[in-house]
Amino acid sequence: MVNTKPWDASEYLKTEQDIIEYLDAAAETGDPTLMQAAIGDVAKARGMGQIAEAAGVGRESLYKSLSKDGNPSFQTIVKVVQALGGRLTIQAA
């Protein structure tokens, strides 16, 4: 019998460069669900409680918002990105 576990991207996001490249790749897809999941992976890698506190939201609320079935507000996304030390920018496609 082979024992497996679900792949968890947050376990592999060790450096700032890893995180930037991961978020950039997710953003390039144009898929908001994938971007939401990627932000959630990064928040988990950094410590969801710490990110929730810095963003001014509850930890459980943040988990729910960034989950597969979550529906975070744009305001929450911006706050989390800022708490992660990032910023949102727009550039021509």
PDB file of N, CA and C in Angstrom:
ATOM      1  N   MET A   1       0.846  -1.175   0.000  1.00  0.00           N
ATOM      2  CA  MET A   1       0.000   0.000   0.000  1.00  0.00           C
ATOM      3  C   MET A   1       0.897   1.246   0.000  1.00  0.00           C
ATOM      4  N   VAL A   2       0.545   2.196  -0.806  1.00  0.00           N
ATOM      5  CA  VAL A   2       1.284   3.449  -0.895  1.00  0.00           C
ATOM      6  C   VAL A   2       0.530   4.504  -0.085  1.00  0.00           C
ATOM      7  N   ASN A   3       1.234   5.144   0.821  1.00  0.00           N
ATOM      8  CA  ASN A   3       0.638   6.223   1.606  1.00  0.00           C
ATOM      9  C   ASN A   3       0.914   7.547   0.912  1.00  0.00           C
ATOM     10  N   THR A   4      -0.132   8.315   0.688  1.00  0.00           N
ATOM     11  CA  THR A   4       0.022   9.631   0.075  1.00  0.00           C
ATOM     12  C   THR A   4      -0.703  10.666   0.908  1.00  0.00           C
ATOM     13  N   LYS A   5      -0.387  11.908   0.667  1.00  0.00           N
ATOM     14  CA  LYS A   5      -1.103  13.007   1.304  1.00  0.00           C
ATOM     15  C   LYS A   5      -1.311  14.084   0.252  1.00  0.00           C
ATOM     16  N   PRO A   6      -2.331  14.903   0.430  1.00  0.00           N
ATOM     17  CA  PRO A   6      -2.574  15.969  -0.550  1.00  0.00           C
ATOM     18  C   PRO A   6      -1.368  16.908  -0.656  1.00  0.00           C
ATOM     19  N   TRP A   7      -1.097  17.359  -1.867  1.00  0.00           N
ATOM     20  CA  TRP A   7       0.008  18.294  -2.080  1.00  0.00           C
ATOM     21  C   TRP A   7      -0.384  19.646  -1.504  1.00  0.00           C
ATOM     22  N   ASP A   8       0.516  20.258  -0.775  1.00  0.00           N
ATOM     23  CA  ASP A   8       0.259  21.547  -0.135  1.00  0.00           C
ATOM     24  C   ASP A   8       1.353  22.523  -0.551  1.00  0.00           C
ATOM     25  N   ALA A   9       0.989  23.460  -1.423  1.00  0.00           N
ATOM     26  CA  ALA A   9       1.959  24.421  -1.946  1.00  0.00           C
ATOM     27  C   ALA A   9       2.638  25.208  -0.845  1.00  0.00           C
ATOM     28  N   SER A  10       1.929  25.470   0.258  1.00  0.00           N
ATOM     29  CA  SER A  10       2.503  26.298   1.323  1.00  0.00           C
ATOM     30  C   SER A  10       3.764  25.684   1.919  1.00  0.00           C
ATOM     31  N   GLU A  11       3.921  24.382   1.803  1.00  0.00           N
ATOM     32  CA  GLU A  11       5.111  23.714   2.328  1.00  0.00           C
ATOM     33  C   GLU A  11       6.366  24.010   1.500  1.00  0.00           C
ATOM     34  N   TYR A  12       6.174  24.538   0.304  1.00  0.00           N
ATOM     35  CA  TYR A  12       7.297  24.768  -0.602  1.00  0.00           C
ATOM     36  C   TYR A  12       7.610  26.249  -0.815  1.00  0.00           C
ATOM     37  N   LEU A  13       6.864  27.114  -0.172  1.00  0.00           N
ATOM     38  CA  LEU A  13       7.076  28.555  -0.319  1.00  0.00           C
ATOM     39  C   LEU A  13       7.996  29.039   0.792  1.00  0.00           C
ATOM     40  N   LYS A  14       9.285  28.876   0.580  1.00  0.00           N
ATOM     41  CA  LYS A  14      10.273  29.136   1.631  1.00  0.00           C
ATOM     42  C   LYS A  14      10.904  30.526   1.557  1.00  0.00           C
ATOM     43  N   THR A  15      11.077  31.044   0.352  1.00  0.00           N
ATOM     44  CA  THR A  15      11.783  32.311   0.205  1.00  0.00           C
ATOM     45  C   THR A  15      10.860  33.378  -0.386  1.00  0.00           C
ATOM     46  N   GLU A  16      11.263  34.628  -0.249  1.00  0.00           N
ATOM     47  CA  GLU A  16      10.503  35.723  -0.856  1.00  0.00           C
ATOM     48  C   GLU A  16      10.394  35.520  -2.366  1.00  0.00           C
ATOM     49  N   GLN A  17      11.467  35.059  -2.986  1.00  0.00           N
ATOM     50  CA  GLN A  17      11.470  34.829  -4.431  1.00  0.00           C
ATOM     51  C   GLN A  17      10.461  33.742  -4.801  1.00  0.00           C
ATOM     52  N   ASP A  18      10.412  32.654  -4.018  1.00  0.00           N
ATOM     53  CA  ASP A  18       9.422  31.599  -4.254  1.00  0.00           C
ATOM     54  C   ASP A  18       8.010  32.183  -4.229  1.00  0.00           C
ATOM     55  N   ILE A  19       7.740  32.996  -3.222  1.00  0.00           N
ATOM     56  CA  ILE A  19       6.415  33.568  -3.025  1.00  0.00           C
ATOM     57  C   ILE A  19       6.038  34.506  -4.170  1.00  0.00           C
ATOM     58  N   ILE A  20       6.956  35.389  -4.546  1.00  0.00           N
ATOM     59  CA  ILE A  20       6.691  36.342  -5.632  1.00  0.00           C
ATOM     60  C   ILE A  20       6.424  35.597  -6.936  1.00  0.00           C
ATOM     61  N   GLU A  21       7.255  34.617  -7.253  1.00  0.00           N
ATOM     62  CA  GLU A  21       7.076  33.876  -8.498  1.00  0.00           C
ATOM     63  C   GLU A  21       5.765  33.088  -8.489  1.00  0.00           C
ATOM     64  N   TYR A  22       5.403  32.527  -7.347  1.00  0.00           N
ATOM     65  CA  TYR A  22       4.165  31.764  -7.213  1.00  0.00           C
ATOM     66  C   TYR A  22       2.948  32.672  -7.422  1.00  0.00           C
ATOM     67  N   LEU A  23       2.935  33.814  -6.736  1.00  0.00           N
ATOM     68  CA  LEU A  23       1.816  34.741  -6.885  1.00  0.00           C
ATOM     69  C   LEU A  23       1.756  35.325  -8.300  1.00  0.00           C
ATOM     70  N   ASP A  24       2.905  35.620  -8.875  1.00  0.00           N
ATOM     71  CA  ASP A  24       2.957  36.171 -10.225  1.00  0.00           C
ATOM     72  C   ASP A  24       2.405  35.164 -11.237  1.00  0.00           C
ATOM     73  N   ALA A  25       2.789  33.902 -11.092  1.00  0.00           N
ATOM     74  CA  ALA A  25       2.289  32.865 -11.998  1.00  0.00           C
ATOM     75  C   ALA A  25       0.776  32.715 -11.866  1.00  0.00           C
ATOM     76  N   ALA A  26       0.269  32.767 -10.646  1.00  0.00           N
ATOM     77  CA  ALA A  26      -1.179  32.674 -10.435  1.00  0.00           C
ATOM     78  C   ALA A  26      -1.892  33.873 -11.051  1.00  0.00           C
ATOM     79  N   ALA A  27      -1.322  35.061 -10.877  1.00  0.00           N
ATOM     80  CA  ALA A  27      -1.935  36.276 -11.420  1.00  0.00           C
ATOM     81  C   ALA A  27      -1.959  36.256 -12.948  1.00  0.00           C
ATOM     82  N   GLU A  28      -0.925  35.709 -13.554  1.00  0.00           N
ATOM     83  CA  GLU A  28      -0.842  35.666 -15.018  1.00  0.00           C
ATOM     84  C   GLU A  28      -1.955  34.837 -15.645  1.00  0.00           C
ATOM     85  N   THR A  29      -2.531  33.913 -14.895  1.00  0.00           N
ATOM     86  CA  THR A  29      -3.596  33.081 -15.451  1.00  0.00           C
ATOM     87  C   THR A  29      -4.881  33.871 -15.654  1.00  0.00           C
ATOM     88  N   GLY A  30      -5.051  34.947 -14.883  1.00  0.00           N
ATOM     89  CA  GLY A  30      -6.288  35.710 -14.950  1.00  0.00           C
ATOM     90  C   GLY A  30      -7.449  35.037 -14.249  1.00  0.00           C
ATOM     91  N   ASP A  31      -7.179  33.950 -13.546  1.00  0.00           N
ATOM     92  CA  ASP A  31      -8.222  33.189 -12.852  1.00  0.00           C
ATOM     93  C   ASP A  31      -8.320  33.661 -11.402  1.00  0.00           C
ATOM     94  N   PRO A  32      -9.392  34.360 -11.027  1.00  0.00           N
ATOM     95  CA  PRO A  32      -9.497  34.881  -9.663  1.00  0.00           C
ATOM     96  C   PRO A  32      -9.530  33.778  -8.603  1.00  0.00           C
ATOM     97  N   THR A  33     -10.081  32.620  -8.932  1.00  0.00           N
ATOM     98  CA  THR A  33     -10.118  31.515  -7.970  1.00  0.00           C
ATOM     99  C   THR A  33      -8.714  31.002  -7.693  1.00  0.00           C
ATOM    100  N   LEU A  34      -7.908  30.901  -8.736  1.00  0.00           N
ATOM    101  CA  LEU A  34      -6.526  30.458  -8.561  1.00  0.00           C
ATOM    102  C   LEU A  34      -5.720  31.488  -7.783  1.00  0.00           C
ATOM    103  N   MET A  35      -5.948  32.759  -8.056  1.00  0.00           N
ATOM    104  CA  MET A  35      -5.246  33.823  -7.332  1.00  0.00           C
ATOM    105  C   MET A  35      -5.626  33.793  -5.862  1.00  0.00           C
ATOM    106  N   GLN A  36      -6.899  33.600  -5.570  1.00  0.00           N
ATOM    107  CA  GLN A  36      -7.377  33.497  -4.189  1.00  0.00           C
ATOM    108  C   GLN A  36      -6.690  32.327  -3.481  1.00  0.00           C
ATOM    109  N   ALA A  37      -6.606  31.191  -4.156  1.00  0.00           N
ATOM    110  CA  ALA A  37      -5.956  30.015  -3.567  1.00  0.00           C
ATOM    111  C   ALA A  37      -4.471  30.275  -3.334  1.00  0.00           C
ATOM    112  N   ALA A  38      -3.819  30.933  -4.271  1.00  0.00           N
ATOM    113  CA  ALA A  38      -2.392  31.230  -4.140  1.00  0.00           C
ATOM    114  C   ALA A  38      -2.136  32.166  -2.956  1.00  0.00           C
ATOM    115  N   ILE A  39      -2.974  33.180  -2.798  1.00  0.00           N
ATOM    116  CA  ILE A  39      -2.830  34.087  -1.650  1.00  0.00           C
ATOM    117  C   ILE A  39      -3.034  33.308  -0.359  1.00  0.00           C
ATOM    118  N   GLY A  40      -3.996  32.392  -0.369  1.00  0.00           N
ATOM    119  CA  GLY A  40      -4.219  31.544   0.799  1.00  0.00           C
ATOM    120  C   GLY A  40      -3.021  30.663   1.110  1.00  0.00           C
ATOM    121  N   ASP A  41      -2.401  30.103   0.074  1.00  0.00           N
ATOM    122  CA  ASP A  41      -1.200  29.274   0.274  1.00  0.00           C
ATOM    123  C   ASP A  41      -0.070  30.087   0.890  1.00  0.00           C
ATOM    124  N   VAL A  42       0.110  31.299   0.403  1.00  0.00           N
ATOM    125  CA  VAL A  42       1.181  32.153   0.928  1.00  0.00           C
ATOM    126  C   VAL A  42       0.877  32.553   2.370  1.00  0.00           C
ATOM    127  N   ALA A  43      -0.370  32.896   2.653  1.00  0.00           N
ATOM    128  CA  ALA A  43      -0.750  33.250   4.032  1.00  0.00           C
ATOM    129  C   ALA A  43      -0.513  32.070   4.963  1.00  0.00           C
ATOM    130  N   LYS A  44      -0.830  30.873   4.497  1.00  0.00           N
ATOM    131  CA  LYS A  44      -0.600  29.672   5.310  1.00  0.00           C
ATOM    132  C   LYS A  44       0.896  29.453   5.533  1.00  0.00           C
ATOM    133  N   ALA A  45       1.687  29.667   4.492  1.00  0.00           N
ATOM    134  CA  ALA A  45       3.137  29.493   4.607  1.00  0.00           C
ATOM    135  C   ALA A  45       3.739  30.483   5.606  1.00  0.00           C
ATOM    136  N   ARG A  46       3.200  31.692   5.646  1.00  0.00           N
ATOM    137  CA  ARG A  46       3.699  32.742   6.531  1.00  0.00           C
ATOM    138  C   ARG A  46       3.116  32.658   7.935  1.00  0.00           C
ATOM    139  N   GLY A  47       2.018  31.935   8.081  1.00  0.00           N
ATOM    140  CA  GLY A  47       1.338  31.851   9.366  1.00  0.00           C
ATOM    141  C   GLY A  47       0.015  32.586   9.295  1.00  0.00           C
ATOM    142  N   MET A  48      -1.053  31.845   9.129  1.00  0.00           N
ATOM    143  CA  MET A  48      -2.373  32.441   8.920  1.00  0.00           C
ATOM    144  C   MET A  48      -2.757  33.375  10.068  1.00  0.00           C
ATOM    145  N   GLY A  49      -2.462  32.998  11.297  1.00  0.00           N
ATOM    146  CA  GLY A  49      -2.809  33.848  12.436  1.00  0.00           C
ATOM    147  C   GLY A  49      -2.110  35.192  12.384  1.00  0.00           C
ATOM    148  N   GLN A  50      -0.836  35.160  12.060  1.00  0.00           N
ATOM    149  CA  GLN A  50      -0.044  36.386  11.976  1.00  0.00           C
ATOM    150  C   GLN A  50      -0.550  37.283  10.845  1.00  0.00           C
ATOM    151  N   ILE A  51      -0.857  36.686   9.704  1.00  0.00           N
ATOM    152  CA  ILE A  51      -1.343  37.463   8.564  1.00  0.00           C
ATOM    153  C   ILE A  51      -2.724  38.027   8.862  1.00  0.00           C
ATOM    154  N   ALA A  52      -3.584  37.227   9.483  1.00  0.00           N
ATOM    155  CA  ALA A  52      -4.926  37.699   9.836  1.00  0.00           C
ATOM    156  C   ALA A  52      -4.837  38.899  10.766  1.00  0.00           C
ATOM    157  N   GLU A  53      -3.970  38.813  11.756  1.00  0.00           N
ATOM    158  CA  GLU A  53      -3.813  39.926  12.707  1.00  0.00           C
ATOM    159  C   GLU A  53      -3.321  41.181  11.990  1.00  0.00           C
ATOM    160  N   ALA A  54      -2.314  41.026  11.139  1.00  0.00           N
ATOM    161  CA  ALA A  54      -1.768  42.176  10.408  1.00  0.00           C
ATOM    162  C   ALA A  54      -2.801  42.778   9.453  1.00  0.00           C
ATOM    163  N   ALA A  55      -3.692  41.937   8.930  1.00  0.00           N
ATOM    164  CA  ALA A  55      -4.714  42.416   7.994  1.00  0.00           C
ATOM    165  C   ALA A  55      -5.951  42.941   8.714  1.00  0.00           C
ATOM    166  N   GLY A  56      -6.012  42.708  10.022  1.00  0.00           N
ATOM    167  CA  GLY A  56      -7.148  43.200  10.790  1.00  0.00           C
ATOM    168  C   GLY A  56      -8.408  42.370  10.615  1.00  0.00           C
ATOM    169  N   VAL A  57      -8.228  41.077  10.356  1.00  0.00           N
ATOM    170  CA  VAL A  57      -9.374  40.163  10.228  1.00  0.00           C
ATOM    171  C   VAL A  57      -9.162  38.969  11.149  1.00  0.00           C
ATOM    172  N   GLY A  58     -10.230  38.269  11.464  1.00  0.00           N
ATOM    173  CA  GLY A  58     -10.122  37.088  12.303  1.00  0.00           C
ATOM    174  C   GLY A  58      -9.473  35.931  11.559  1.00  0.00           C
ATOM    175  N   ARG A  59      -8.727  35.115  12.273  1.00  0.00           N
ATOM    176  CA  ARG A  59      -8.026  33.982  11.659  1.00  0.00           C
ATOM    177  C   ARG A  59      -9.004  33.029  10.976  1.00  0.00           C
ATOM    178  N   GLU A  60     -10.065  32.642  11.690  1.00  0.00           N
ATOM    179  CA  GLU A  60     -11.047  31.724  11.116  1.00  0.00           C
ATOM    180  C   GLU A  60     -11.738  32.345   9.906  1.00  0.00           C
ATOM    181  N   SER A  61     -12.019  33.635   9.996  1.00  0.00           N
ATOM    182  CA  SER A  61     -12.643  34.344   8.880  1.00  0.00           C
ATOM    183  C   SER A  61     -11.724  34.337   7.665  1.00  0.00           C
ATOM    184  N   LEU A  62     -10.438  34.522   7.903  1.00  0.00           N
ATOM    185  CA  LEU A  62      -9.479  34.529   6.803  1.00  0.00           C
ATOM    186  C   LEU A  62      -9.369  33.148   6.174  1.00  0.00           C
ATOM    187  N   TYR A  63      -9.291  32.105   7.006  1.00  0.00           N
ATOM    188  CA  TYR A  63      -9.279  30.739   6.467  1.00  0.00           C
ATOM    189  C   TYR A  63     -10.487  30.519   5.570  1.00  0.00           C
ATOM    190  N   LYS A  64     -11.663  30.922   6.050  1.00  0.00           N
ATOM    191  CA  LYS A  64     -12.899  30.725   5.298  1.00  0.00           C
ATOM    192  C   LYS A  64     -12.878  31.538   4.001  1.00  0.00           C
ATOM    193  N   SER A  65     -12.468  32.791   4.088  1.00  0.00           N
ATOM    194  CA  SER A  65     -12.433  33.654   2.905  1.00  0.00           C
ATOM    195  C   SER A  65     -11.513  33.119   1.820  1.00  0.00           C
ATOM    196  N   LEU A  66     -10.378  32.557   2.225  1.00  0.00           N
ATOM    197  CA  LEU A  66      -9.383  32.098   1.257  1.00  0.00           C
ATOM    198  C   LEU A  66      -9.522  30.623   0.903  1.00  0.00           C
ATOM    199  N   SER A  67     -10.547  29.971   1.438  1.00  0.00           N
ATOM    200  CA  SER A  67     -10.774  28.565   1.120  1.00  0.00           C
ATOM    201  C   SER A  67     -11.337  28.431  -0.293  1.00  0.00           C
ATOM    202  N   LYS A  68     -11.398  27.203  -0.767  1.00  0.00           N
ATOM    203  CA  LYS A  68     -11.910  26.910  -2.106  1.00  0.00           C
ATOM    204  C   LYS A  68     -13.313  27.490  -2.315  1.00  0.00           C
ATOM    205  N   ASP A  69     -14.138  27.405  -1.298  1.00  0.00           N
ATOM    206  CA  ASP A  69     -15.516  27.889  -1.408  1.00  0.00           C
ATOM    207  C   ASP A  69     -15.706  29.303  -0.878  1.00  0.00           C
ATOM    208  N   GLY A  70     -14.616  29.946  -0.474  1.00  0.00           N
ATOM    209  CA  GLY A  70     -14.701  31.294   0.081  1.00  0.00           C
ATOM    210  C   GLY A  70     -14.994  32.328  -0.989  1.00  0.00           C
ATOM    211  N   ASN A  71     -15.405  33.483  -0.532  1.00  0.00           N
ATOM    212  CA  ASN A  71     -15.694  34.583  -1.442  1.00  0.00           C
ATOM    213  C   ASN A  71     -15.227  35.882  -0.779  1.00  0.00           C
ATOM    214  N   PRO A  72     -13.900  36.084  -0.716  1.00  0.00           N
ATOM    215  CA  PRO A  72     -13.400  37.271  -0.015  1.00  0.00           C
ATOM    216  C   PRO A  72     -13.733  38.555  -0.759  1.00  0.00           C
ATOM    217  N   SER A  73     -13.917  39.602   0.012  1.00  0.00           N
ATOM    218  CA  SER A  73     -14.112  40.906  -0.611  1.00  0.00           C
ATOM    219  C   SER A  73     -12.774  41.382  -1.174  1.00  0.00           C
ATOM    220  N   PHE A  74     -12.844  42.315  -2.093  1.00  0.00           N
ATOM    221  CA  PHE A  74     -11.624  42.893  -2.643  1.00  0.00           C
ATOM    222  C   PHE A  74     -10.831  43.570  -1.531  1.00  0.00           C
ATOM    223  N   GLN A  75     -11.545  44.175  -0.599  1.00  0.00           N
ATOM    224  CA  GLN A  75     -10.900  44.828   0.540  1.00  0.00           C
ATOM    225  C   GLN A  75     -10.075  43.826   1.346  1.00  0.00           C
ATOM    226  N   THR A  76     -10.615  42.636   1.563  1.00  0.00           N
ATOM    227  CA  THR A  76      -9.878  41.607   2.297  1.00  0.00           C
ATOM    228  C   THR A  76      -8.635  41.192   1.533  1.00  0.00           C
ATOM    229  N   ILE A  77      -8.768  40.998   0.229  1.00  0.00           N
ATOM    230  CA  ILE A  77      -7.608  40.613  -0.592  1.00  0.00           C
ATOM    231  C   ILE A  77      -6.518  41.669  -0.500  1.00  0.00           C
ATOM    232  N   VAL A  78      -6.893  42.938  -0.628  1.00  0.00           N
ATOM    233  CA  VAL A  78      -5.910  44.015  -0.557  1.00  0.00           C
ATOM    234  C   VAL A  78      -5.225  44.019   0.805  1.00  0.00           C
ATOM    235  N   LYS A  79      -5.987  43.892   1.881  1.00  0.00           N
ATOM    236  CA  LYS A  79      -5.414  43.885   3.230  1.00  0.00           C
ATOM    237  C   LYS A  79      -4.453  42.715   3.419  1.00  0.00           C
ATOM    238  N   VAL A  80      -4.816  41.548   2.907  1.00  0.00           N
ATOM    239  CA  VAL A  80      -3.948  40.370   3.047  1.00  0.00           C
ATOM    240  C   VAL A  80      -2.679  40.547   2.231  1.00  0.00           C
ATOM    241  N   VAL A  81      -2.804  41.028   1.011  1.00  0.00           N
ATOM    242  CA  VAL A  81      -1.610  41.264   0.189  1.00  0.00           C
ATOM    243  C   VAL A  81      -0.679  42.251   0.892  1.00  0.00           C
ATOM    244  N   GLN A  82      -1.240  43.305   1.472  1.00  0.00           N
ATOM    245  CA  GLN A  82      -0.421  44.275   2.207  1.00  0.00           C
ATOM    246  C   GLN A  82       0.211  43.625   3.442  1.00  0.00           C
ATOM    247  N   ALA A  83      -0.543  42.793   4.148  1.00  0.00           N
ATOM    248  CA  ALA A  83      -0.015  42.100   5.325  1.00  0.00           C
ATOM    249  C   ALA A  83       1.112  41.147   4.945  1.00  0.00           C
ATOM    250  N   LEU A  84       1.067  40.655   3.716  1.00  0.00           N
ATOM    251  CA  LEU A  84       2.132  39.778   3.217  1.00  0.00           C
ATOM    252  C   LEU A  84       3.345  40.575   2.732  1.00  0.00           C
ATOM    253  N   GLY A  85       3.241  41.897   2.791  1.00  0.00           N
ATOM    254  CA  GLY A  85       4.351  42.750   2.357  1.00  0.00           C
ATOM    255  C   GLY A  85       4.313  43.064   0.880  1.00  0.00           C
ATOM    256  N   GLY A  86       3.170  42.860   0.251  1.00  0.00           N
ATOM    257  CA  GLY A  86       3.049  43.105  -1.179  1.00  0.00           C
ATOM    258  C   GLY A  86       2.124  44.263  -1.483  1.00  0.00           C
ATOM    259  N   ARG A  87       1.914  44.490  -2.751  1.00  0.00           N
ATOM    260  CA  ARG A  87       0.966  45.486  -3.209  1.00  0.00           C
ATOM    261  C   ARG A  87       0.442  45.024  -4.561  1.00  0.00           C
ATOM    262  N   LEU A  88      -0.756  45.447  -4.873  1.00  0.00           N
ATOM    263  CA  LEU A  88      -1.344  45.119  -6.157  1.00  0.00           C
ATOM    264  C   LEU A  88      -0.978  46.193  -7.167  1.00  0.00           C
ATOM    265  N   THR A  89      -0.606  45.782  -8.351  1.00  0.00           N
ATOM    266  CA  THR A  89      -0.302  46.727  -9.417  1.00  0.00           C
ATOM    267  C   THR A  89      -1.013  46.267 -10.679  1.00  0.00           C
ATOM    268  N   ILE A  90      -1.234  47.188 -11.568  1.00  0.00           N
ATOM    269  CA  ILE A  90      -1.858  46.894 -12.850  1.00  0.00           C
ATOM    270  C   ILE A  90      -0.861  47.260 -13.944  1.00  0.00           C
ATOM    271  N   GLN A  91      -0.735  46.377 -14.928  1.00  0.00           N
ATOM    272  CA  GLN A  91       0.110  46.700 -16.052  1.00  0.00           C
ATOM    273  C   GLN A  91      -0.567  46.220 -17.329  1.00  0.00           C
ATOM    274  N   ALA A  92      -0.184  46.781 -18.427  1.00  0.00           N
ATOM    275  CA  ALA A  92      -0.789  46.426 -19.696  1.00  0.00           C
ATOM    276  C   ALA A  92      -0.529  44.959 -19.997  1.00  0.00           C
ATOM    277  N   ALA A  93      -1.538  44.315 -20.556  1.00  0.00           N
ATOM    278  CA  ALA A  93      -1.392  42.915 -20.940  1.00  0.00           C
ATOM    279  C   ALA A  93      -0.595  42.834 -22.219  1.00  0.00           C
TER     280      ALA A  93
END
